[in-house]
Amino acid sequence: MTPELTVLALAALLQAVQFALMAIPANIELGVGKTTSPRDASRLKTPLFDQVSDGTGRLVRAFNNHFEALILFTIAVVIVSISDQSTLFTAVCAWVYLAARVLYVAAYYFGWAPWRSYIFFVGFLATFLMILAALV
């Protein structure tokens, strides 16, 4: 397995950890009745995740953001792996992406502004550079 594929697997595990970090406090704050409901707007009056604490709301947004970032990172890993262009540079980029995503969760939760955005950009740039490296 290439280093990039290893990091992709770890990034998927990070997504699972983020799910737990978000779901446990959400269920505690909202109750299982709400979180397992159909979440109809007419029944809830306000969106479900507008009803949680600021910290839990941040964990929800970080979780959703990782889904978005993971799509592009997966594309980068597939391009590098299928084209057999794994290099030290692309491996380092993959690890930088993962480190940035772990830091991003903490930065979002603790409200590290503007650092959260900078951390996001580091992960995005690492992903973008992997794709460029495969094209060149």
C-alpha atoms as a PDB file:
ATOM      1  CA  MET A   1       0.000   0.000   0.000  1.00  0.00           C
ATOM      2  CA  THR A   2       1.322   3.443  -0.876  1.00  0.00           C
ATOM      3  CA  PRO A   3       1.854   5.976   1.905  1.00  0.00           C
ATOM      4  CA  GLU A   4      -0.931   8.061   0.368  1.00  0.00           C
ATOM      5  CA  LEU A   5      -3.391   5.162   0.604  1.00  0.00           C
ATOM      6  CA  THR A   6      -2.365   4.584   4.220  1.00  0.00           C
ATOM      7  CA  VAL A   7      -3.073   8.222   5.003  1.00  0.00           C
ATOM      8  CA  LEU A   8      -6.413   7.977   3.170  1.00  0.00           C
ATOM      9  CA  ALA A   9      -7.367   5.041   5.394  1.00  0.00           C
ATOM     10  CA  LEU A  10      -6.344   7.022   8.471  1.00  0.00           C
ATOM     11  CA  ALA A  11      -8.326  10.030   7.233  1.00  0.00           C
ATOM     12  CA  ALA A  12     -11.394   7.786   6.952  1.00  0.00           C
ATOM     13  CA  LEU A  13     -10.803   6.640  10.536  1.00  0.00           C
ATOM     14  CA  LEU A  14     -10.500  10.280  11.556  1.00  0.00           C
ATOM     15  CA  GLN A  15     -13.945  10.834  10.037  1.00  0.00           C
ATOM     16  CA  ALA A  16     -15.295   8.046  12.248  1.00  0.00           C
ATOM     17  CA  VAL A  17     -13.654   9.594  15.319  1.00  0.00           C
ATOM     18  CA  GLN A  18     -15.148  12.962  14.388  1.00  0.00           C
ATOM     19  CA  PHE A  19     -18.558  11.316  14.120  1.00  0.00           C
ATOM     20  CA  ALA A  20     -18.265  10.075  17.698  1.00  0.00           C
ATOM     21  CA  LEU A  21     -16.931  13.425  18.928  1.00  0.00           C
ATOM     22  CA  MET A  22     -19.977  15.111  17.413  1.00  0.00           C
ATOM     23  CA  ALA A  23     -22.687  12.498  17.982  1.00  0.00           C
ATOM     24  CA  ILE A  24     -22.109  11.808  21.674  1.00  0.00           C
ATOM     25  CA  PRO A  25     -22.558  15.393  22.891  1.00  0.00           C
ATOM     26  CA  ALA A  26     -25.365  15.975  20.360  1.00  0.00           C
ATOM     27  CA  ASN A  27     -27.291  13.003  21.741  1.00  0.00           C
ATOM     28  CA  ILE A  28     -26.664  14.123  25.313  1.00  0.00           C
ATOM     29  CA  GLU A  29     -27.789  17.690  24.594  1.00  0.00           C
ATOM     30  CA  LEU A  30     -30.771  16.919  22.348  1.00  0.00           C
ATOM     31  CA  GLY A  31     -31.868  13.524  23.543  1.00  0.00           C
ATOM     32  CA  VAL A  32     -32.155  10.378  21.470  1.00  0.00           C
ATOM     33  CA  GLY A  33     -35.794  11.150  20.683  1.00  0.00           C
ATOM     34  CA  LYS A  34     -34.760  14.177  18.632  1.00  0.00           C
ATOM     35  CA  THR A  35     -31.629  12.731  17.063  1.00  0.00           C
ATOM     36  CA  THR A  36     -33.414   9.583  15.870  1.00  0.00           C
ATOM     37  CA  SER A  37     -36.520  11.454  14.699  1.00  0.00           C
ATOM     38  CA  PRO A  38     -37.264  12.188  11.020  1.00  0.00           C
ATOM     39  CA  ARG A  39     -36.084  15.770  11.732  1.00  0.00           C
ATOM     40  CA  ASP A  40     -39.004  17.357   9.909  1.00  0.00           C
ATOM     41  CA  ALA A  41     -38.875  21.160   9.977  1.00  0.00           C
ATOM     42  CA  SER A  42     -42.546  21.344  10.976  1.00  0.00           C
ATOM     43  CA  ARG A  43     -41.840  19.248  14.051  1.00  0.00           C
ATOM     44  CA  LEU A  44     -38.515  20.736  15.147  1.00  0.00           C
ATOM     45  CA  LYS A  45     -39.259  24.429  14.432  1.00  0.00           C
ATOM     46  CA  THR A  46     -35.508  25.108  14.127  1.00  0.00           C
ATOM     47  CA  PRO A  47     -32.873  22.922  12.461  1.00  0.00           C
ATOM     48  CA  LEU A  48     -31.633  20.198  14.766  1.00  0.00           C
ATOM     49  CA  PHE A  49     -28.044  21.344  14.935  1.00  0.00           C
ATOM     50  CA  ASP A  50     -29.076  24.927  15.677  1.00  0.00           C
ATOM     51  CA  GLN A  51     -30.333  23.536  18.994  1.00  0.00           C
ATOM     52  CA  VAL A  52     -26.946  22.324  20.272  1.00  0.00           C
ATOM     53  CA  SER A  53     -24.273  24.184  22.226  1.00  0.00           C
ATOM     54  CA  ASP A  54     -21.670  26.224  20.387  1.00  0.00           C
ATOM     55  CA  GLY A  55     -18.993  23.566  20.952  1.00  0.00           C
ATOM     56  CA  THR A  56     -21.151  20.732  19.639  1.00  0.00           C
ATOM     57  CA  GLY A  57     -22.208  22.890  16.699  1.00  0.00           C
ATOM     58  CA  ARG A  58     -18.557  23.451  15.869  1.00  0.00           C
ATOM     59  CA  LEU A  59     -17.910  19.706  15.999  1.00  0.00           C
ATOM     60  CA  VAL A  60     -20.828  19.175  13.607  1.00  0.00           C
ATOM     61  CA  ARG A  61     -19.440  21.756  11.183  1.00  0.00           C
ATOM     62  CA  ALA A  62     -15.903  20.300  11.415  1.00  0.00           C
ATOM     63  CA  PHE A  63     -17.347  16.829  10.724  1.00  0.00           C
ATOM     64  CA  ASN A  64     -19.211  18.058   7.644  1.00  0.00           C
ATOM     65  CA  ASN A  65     -16.191  20.039   6.471  1.00  0.00           C
ATOM     66  CA  HIS A  66     -14.049  16.914   6.581  1.00  0.00           C
ATOM     67  CA  PHE A  67     -16.470  15.136   4.252  1.00  0.00           C
ATOM     68  CA  GLU A  68     -15.973  17.974   1.786  1.00  0.00           C
ATOM     69  CA  ALA A  69     -12.176  17.991   2.120  1.00  0.00           C
ATOM     70  CA  LEU A  70     -11.995  14.194   2.025  1.00  0.00           C
ATOM     71  CA  ILE A  71     -13.553  14.105  -1.437  1.00  0.00           C
ATOM     72  CA  LEU A  72     -10.740  16.148  -3.000  1.00  0.00           C
ATOM     73  CA  PHE A  73      -8.076  14.330  -0.970  1.00  0.00           C
ATOM     74  CA  THR A  74      -9.453  10.970  -2.138  1.00  0.00           C
ATOM     75  CA  ILE A  75      -9.268  12.159  -5.743  1.00  0.00           C
ATOM     76  CA  ALA A  76      -5.642  13.204  -5.194  1.00  0.00           C
ATOM     77  CA  VAL A  77      -4.740   9.840  -3.647  1.00  0.00           C
ATOM     78  CA  VAL A  78      -6.456   7.893  -6.421  1.00  0.00           C
ATOM     79  CA  ILE A  79      -4.667   9.920  -9.111  1.00  0.00           C
ATOM     80  CA  VAL A  80      -1.273   9.464  -7.452  1.00  0.00           C
ATOM     81  CA  SER A  81      -1.813   5.765  -6.694  1.00  0.00           C
ATOM     82  CA  ILE A  82      -3.362   4.625  -9.976  1.00  0.00           C
ATOM     83  CA  SER A  83      -0.818   6.510 -12.056  1.00  0.00           C
ATOM     84  CA  ASP A  84       1.956   4.990  -9.904  1.00  0.00           C
ATOM     85  CA  GLN A  85       3.380   8.433  -9.130  1.00  0.00           C
ATOM     86  CA  SER A  86       3.822   8.121  -5.405  1.00  0.00           C
ATOM     87  CA  THR A  87       6.924  10.038  -4.346  1.00  0.00           C
ATOM     88  CA  LEU A  88       8.364  11.328  -1.124  1.00  0.00           C
ATOM     89  CA  PHE A  89       6.766  14.676  -1.977  1.00  0.00           C
ATOM     90  CA  THR A  90       3.260  13.255  -2.434  1.00  0.00           C
ATOM     91  CA  ALA A  91       3.641  11.149   0.716  1.00  0.00           C
ATOM     92  CA  VAL A  92       4.662  14.208   2.736  1.00  0.00           C
ATOM     93  CA  CYS A  93       1.713  16.133   1.271  1.00  0.00           C
ATOM     94  CA  ALA A  94      -0.635  13.345   2.351  1.00  0.00           C
ATOM     95  CA  TRP A  95       0.710  13.378   5.912  1.00  0.00           C
ATOM     96  CA  VAL A  96       0.486  17.177   5.992  1.00  0.00           C
ATOM     97  CA  TYR A  97      -3.172  16.890   4.922  1.00  0.00           C
ATOM     98  CA  LEU A  98      -3.912  14.466   7.760  1.00  0.00           C
ATOM     99  CA  ALA A  99      -2.094  16.558  10.359  1.00  0.00           C
ATOM    100  CA  ALA A 100      -3.964  19.642   9.186  1.00  0.00           C
ATOM    101  CA  ARG A 101      -7.300  17.823   9.454  1.00  0.00           C
ATOM    102  CA  VAL A 102      -6.567  16.706  13.020  1.00  0.00           C
ATOM    103  CA  LEU A 103      -5.537  20.242  13.975  1.00  0.00           C
ATOM    104  CA  TYR A 104      -8.595  21.613  12.164  1.00  0.00           C
ATOM    105  CA  VAL A 105     -10.951  19.751  14.502  1.00  0.00           C
ATOM    106  CA  ALA A 106      -9.250  21.264  17.550  1.00  0.00           C
ATOM    107  CA  ALA A 107      -9.069  24.695  15.926  1.00  0.00           C
ATOM    108  CA  TYR A 108     -12.764  24.643  15.088  1.00  0.00           C
ATOM    109  CA  TYR A 109     -13.832  23.361  18.502  1.00  0.00           C
ATOM    110  CA  PHE A 110     -11.753  25.871  20.444  1.00  0.00           C
ATOM    111  CA  GLY A 111     -12.581  28.758  18.077  1.00  0.00           C
ATOM    112  CA  TRP A 112      -9.030  29.487  16.992  1.00  0.00           C
ATOM    113  CA  ALA A 113      -9.737  32.344  14.599  1.00  0.00           C
ATOM    114  CA  PRO A 114      -8.256  32.982  12.118  1.00  0.00           C
ATOM    115  CA  TRP A 115      -5.989  29.951  12.620  1.00  0.00           C
ATOM    116  CA  ARG A 116      -8.756  27.496  11.747  1.00  0.00           C
ATOM    117  CA  SER A 117      -8.911  28.944   8.235  1.00  0.00           C
ATOM    118  CA  TYR A 118      -5.137  28.849   7.854  1.00  0.00           C
ATOM    119  CA  ILE A 119      -5.037  25.229   8.994  1.00  0.00           C
ATOM    120  CA  PHE A 120      -7.778  24.376   6.490  1.00  0.00           C
ATOM    121  CA  PHE A 121      -5.760  26.049   3.744  1.00  0.00           C
ATOM    122  CA  VAL A 122      -2.632  24.027   4.597  1.00  0.00           C
ATOM    123  CA  GLY A 123      -4.582  20.777   4.121  1.00  0.00           C
ATOM    124  CA  PHE A 124      -6.196  22.072   0.937  1.00  0.00           C
ATOM    125  CA  LEU A 125      -2.830  23.193  -0.456  1.00  0.00           C
ATOM    126  CA  ALA A 126      -1.236  19.816   0.338  1.00  0.00           C
ATOM    127  CA  THR A 127      -4.047  18.078  -1.547  1.00  0.00           C
ATOM    128  CA  PHE A 128      -3.776  20.467  -4.493  1.00  0.00           C
ATOM    129  CA  LEU A 129       0.000  19.958  -4.648  1.00  0.00           C
ATOM    130  CA  MET A 130      -0.465  16.171  -4.779  1.00  0.00           C
ATOM    131  CA  ILE A 131      -2.655  16.552  -7.850  1.00  0.00           C
ATOM    132  CA  LEU A 132      -0.211  18.961  -9.484  1.00  0.00           C
ATOM    133  CA  ALA A 133       2.708  16.624  -8.747  1.00  0.00           C
ATOM    134  CA  ALA A 134       0.896  13.791 -10.538  1.00  0.00           C
ATOM    135  CA  LEU A 135       0.227  16.012 -13.554  1.00  0.00           C
ATOM    136  CA  VAL A 136       3.792  17.198 -13.958  1.00  0.00           C
END
